[in-house]
N, C-alpha and C. Protein backbone atom coordinates (compact mmCIF):
# COMPACT_ATOMS: atom_id res chain seq x y z
N UNK A 1 20.91 -23.42 -9.06
CA UNK A 1 19.58 -23.10 -9.49
C UNK A 1 19.65 -22.63 -10.94
N UNK A 2 18.85 -23.17 -11.76
CA UNK A 2 18.85 -22.82 -13.17
C UNK A 2 18.02 -21.57 -13.42
N UNK A 3 18.29 -20.95 -14.52
CA UNK A 3 17.59 -19.71 -14.89
C UNK A 3 16.09 -19.95 -15.08
N UNK A 4 15.69 -21.15 -15.42
CA UNK A 4 14.29 -21.46 -15.68
C UNK A 4 13.43 -21.33 -14.41
N UNK A 5 14.04 -21.38 -13.25
CA UNK A 5 13.29 -21.33 -11.99
C UNK A 5 12.98 -19.91 -11.53
N UNK A 6 13.56 -18.91 -12.18
CA UNK A 6 13.32 -17.53 -11.79
C UNK A 6 12.01 -17.03 -12.38
N UNK A 7 11.41 -16.03 -11.71
CA UNK A 7 10.22 -15.41 -12.26
C UNK A 7 10.65 -14.22 -13.11
N UNK A 8 9.78 -13.81 -14.02
CA UNK A 8 10.12 -12.71 -14.93
C UNK A 8 10.04 -11.37 -14.21
N UNK A 9 10.63 -10.35 -14.83
CA UNK A 9 10.60 -9.01 -14.26
C UNK A 9 9.17 -8.47 -14.17
N UNK A 10 8.36 -8.80 -15.15
CA UNK A 10 6.97 -8.34 -15.13
C UNK A 10 6.22 -8.92 -13.93
N UNK A 11 6.50 -10.18 -13.60
CA UNK A 11 5.85 -10.81 -12.46
C UNK A 11 6.33 -10.17 -11.15
N UNK A 12 7.60 -9.80 -11.08
CA UNK A 12 8.14 -9.15 -9.88
C UNK A 12 7.45 -7.81 -9.67
N UNK A 13 7.33 -7.02 -10.75
CA UNK A 13 6.68 -5.71 -10.66
C UNK A 13 5.21 -5.87 -10.27
N UNK A 14 4.54 -6.85 -10.86
CA UNK A 14 3.13 -7.09 -10.55
C UNK A 14 2.94 -7.47 -9.09
N UNK A 15 3.82 -8.32 -8.57
CA UNK A 15 3.73 -8.74 -7.17
C UNK A 15 4.06 -7.59 -6.22
N UNK A 16 5.04 -6.75 -6.58
CA UNK A 16 5.39 -5.61 -5.74
C UNK A 16 4.24 -4.61 -5.68
N UNK A 17 3.62 -4.33 -6.82
CA UNK A 17 2.48 -3.42 -6.84
C UNK A 17 1.32 -3.97 -6.02
N UNK A 18 1.09 -5.26 -6.10
CA UNK A 18 0.02 -5.88 -5.31
C UNK A 18 0.32 -5.79 -3.82
N UNK A 19 1.58 -5.98 -3.44
CA UNK A 19 1.96 -5.91 -2.03
C UNK A 19 1.77 -4.49 -1.49
N UNK A 20 2.13 -3.49 -2.28
CA UNK A 20 1.95 -2.10 -1.85
C UNK A 20 0.47 -1.77 -1.73
N UNK A 21 -0.34 -2.22 -2.69
CA UNK A 21 -1.78 -1.97 -2.64
C UNK A 21 -2.40 -2.61 -1.40
N UNK A 22 -1.99 -3.83 -1.07
CA UNK A 22 -2.51 -4.49 0.13
C UNK A 22 -2.10 -3.74 1.40
N UNK A 23 -0.86 -3.26 1.44
CA UNK A 23 -0.40 -2.52 2.62
C UNK A 23 -1.18 -1.22 2.79
N UNK A 24 -1.45 -0.52 1.69
CA UNK A 24 -2.21 0.72 1.76
C UNK A 24 -3.65 0.44 2.19
N UNK A 25 -4.25 -0.61 1.64
CA UNK A 25 -5.61 -0.97 2.03
C UNK A 25 -5.68 -1.33 3.51
N UNK A 26 -4.68 -2.03 4.01
CA UNK A 26 -4.65 -2.40 5.43
C UNK A 26 -4.57 -1.15 6.31
N UNK A 27 -3.74 -0.18 5.90
CA UNK A 27 -3.62 1.05 6.68
C UNK A 27 -4.92 1.85 6.65
N UNK A 28 -5.62 1.82 5.51
CA UNK A 28 -6.90 2.53 5.43
C UNK A 28 -7.94 1.90 6.35
N UNK A 29 -7.96 0.57 6.40
CA UNK A 29 -8.92 -0.14 7.25
C UNK A 29 -8.65 0.13 8.72
N UNK A 30 -7.37 0.13 9.11
CA UNK A 30 -7.01 0.36 10.51
C UNK A 30 -6.92 1.84 10.86
N UNK A 31 -7.22 2.72 9.87
CA UNK A 31 -7.19 4.17 10.05
C UNK A 31 -5.83 4.66 10.53
N UNK A 32 -4.78 4.06 10.00
CA UNK A 32 -3.41 4.48 10.27
C UNK A 32 -2.98 5.44 9.16
N UNK A 33 -2.32 6.55 9.48
CA UNK A 33 -1.90 7.46 8.41
C UNK A 33 -0.86 6.82 7.48
N UNK A 34 -0.98 7.15 6.21
CA UNK A 34 -0.06 6.65 5.19
C UNK A 34 0.94 7.76 4.89
N UNK A 35 2.22 7.44 4.86
CA UNK A 35 3.25 8.43 4.57
C UNK A 35 3.44 8.49 3.07
N UNK A 36 3.30 9.71 2.50
CA UNK A 36 3.46 9.90 1.07
C UNK A 36 4.42 11.06 0.82
N UNK A 37 4.97 11.10 -0.39
CA UNK A 37 5.82 12.22 -0.81
C UNK A 37 5.08 12.97 -1.89
N UNK A 38 4.81 14.24 -1.65
CA UNK A 38 4.13 15.09 -2.62
C UNK A 38 5.19 15.71 -3.52
N UNK A 39 5.23 15.29 -4.79
CA UNK A 39 6.27 15.75 -5.71
C UNK A 39 6.10 17.21 -6.09
N UNK A 40 4.88 17.69 -6.16
CA UNK A 40 4.67 19.09 -6.55
C UNK A 40 5.14 20.04 -5.45
N UNK A 41 4.75 19.76 -4.22
CA UNK A 41 5.12 20.62 -3.10
C UNK A 41 6.47 20.24 -2.50
N UNK A 42 7.00 19.07 -2.88
CA UNK A 42 8.27 18.54 -2.37
C UNK A 42 8.26 18.45 -0.85
N UNK A 43 7.18 17.84 -0.33
CA UNK A 43 7.03 17.65 1.10
C UNK A 43 6.67 16.20 1.40
N UNK A 44 6.96 15.78 2.62
CA UNK A 44 6.55 14.47 3.11
C UNK A 44 5.31 14.70 3.97
N UNK A 45 4.23 13.95 3.67
CA UNK A 45 2.96 14.17 4.34
C UNK A 45 2.41 12.87 4.90
N UNK A 46 1.57 13.00 5.91
CA UNK A 46 0.75 11.90 6.39
C UNK A 46 -0.61 12.06 5.72
N UNK A 47 -1.07 11.01 5.03
CA UNK A 47 -2.40 11.01 4.43
C UNK A 47 -3.31 10.24 5.37
N UNK A 48 -4.26 10.95 5.98
CA UNK A 48 -5.17 10.35 6.94
C UNK A 48 -6.32 9.64 6.24
N UNK A 49 -7.02 8.78 6.96
CA UNK A 49 -8.09 7.99 6.37
C UNK A 49 -9.26 8.86 5.89
N UNK A 50 -9.41 10.07 6.45
CA UNK A 50 -10.49 10.95 6.00
C UNK A 50 -10.09 11.81 4.81
N UNK A 51 -8.85 11.66 4.30
CA UNK A 51 -8.40 12.38 3.11
C UNK A 51 -7.58 13.62 3.39
N UNK A 52 -7.43 14.00 4.64
CA UNK A 52 -6.64 15.18 4.96
C UNK A 52 -5.15 14.83 4.96
N UNK A 53 -4.34 15.85 4.65
CA UNK A 53 -2.89 15.67 4.64
C UNK A 53 -2.27 16.54 5.72
N UNK A 54 -1.29 15.99 6.42
CA UNK A 54 -0.54 16.71 7.42
C UNK A 54 0.92 16.72 7.00
N UNK A 55 1.50 17.90 6.83
CA UNK A 55 2.90 18.01 6.39
C UNK A 55 3.80 17.61 7.55
N UNK A 56 4.74 16.69 7.27
CA UNK A 56 5.67 16.21 8.27
C UNK A 56 7.02 16.89 8.12
N UNK A 57 7.49 16.98 6.87
CA UNK A 57 8.81 17.53 6.63
C UNK A 57 8.86 18.09 5.21
N UNK A 58 9.82 18.98 4.99
CA UNK A 58 10.05 19.52 3.66
C UNK A 58 11.40 19.05 3.15
N UNK A 59 11.63 19.25 1.88
CA UNK A 59 12.90 18.85 1.28
C UNK A 59 14.01 19.74 1.81
N UNK A 60 15.05 19.13 2.32
CA UNK A 60 16.10 19.89 2.97
C UNK A 60 17.19 20.35 2.02
N UNK A 61 17.49 19.56 0.99
CA UNK A 61 18.55 19.92 0.06
C UNK A 61 18.03 19.95 -1.36
N UNK A 62 18.74 20.68 -2.20
CA UNK A 62 18.39 20.78 -3.60
C UNK A 62 19.56 20.32 -4.43
N UNK A 63 19.32 19.54 -5.43
CA UNK A 63 20.38 19.09 -6.32
C UNK A 63 20.95 17.75 -5.89
N UNK A 64 21.80 17.24 -6.74
CA UNK A 64 22.44 15.96 -6.47
C UNK A 64 23.59 16.14 -5.48
N UNK A 65 23.98 15.04 -4.86
CA UNK A 65 25.05 15.08 -3.87
C UNK A 65 26.35 15.57 -4.49
N UNK A 66 26.67 15.09 -5.68
CA UNK A 66 27.92 15.51 -6.33
C UNK A 66 27.92 16.99 -6.65
N UNK A 67 26.77 17.56 -6.95
CA UNK A 67 26.68 18.99 -7.21
C UNK A 67 26.85 19.80 -5.93
N UNK A 68 26.34 19.29 -4.82
CA UNK A 68 26.46 20.02 -3.55
C UNK A 68 27.88 19.96 -3.02
N UNK A 69 28.60 18.87 -3.24
CA UNK A 69 29.93 18.71 -2.72
C UNK A 69 30.91 19.64 -3.43
N UNK A 70 30.72 19.90 -4.71
CA UNK A 70 31.62 20.75 -5.49
C UNK A 70 31.60 22.18 -5.02
N UNK A 71 30.51 22.65 -4.43
CA UNK A 71 30.40 24.05 -4.01
C UNK A 71 31.26 24.38 -2.87
């Protein structure tokens, strides 16, 4: 397969973003909770169709793996 047959990186990113948007829209229509990561609170939440959030889990470790192993 020649290099000319590949799609560009911009097209890959555009298609990935469109796929995620479609998946989120489908979950909203079927009223299925969407799993999100809240960066400020560092928690994993379910985002319900009515806009409420339910905390599922919190961040268990802090720091990189290599930093934790050295201790």
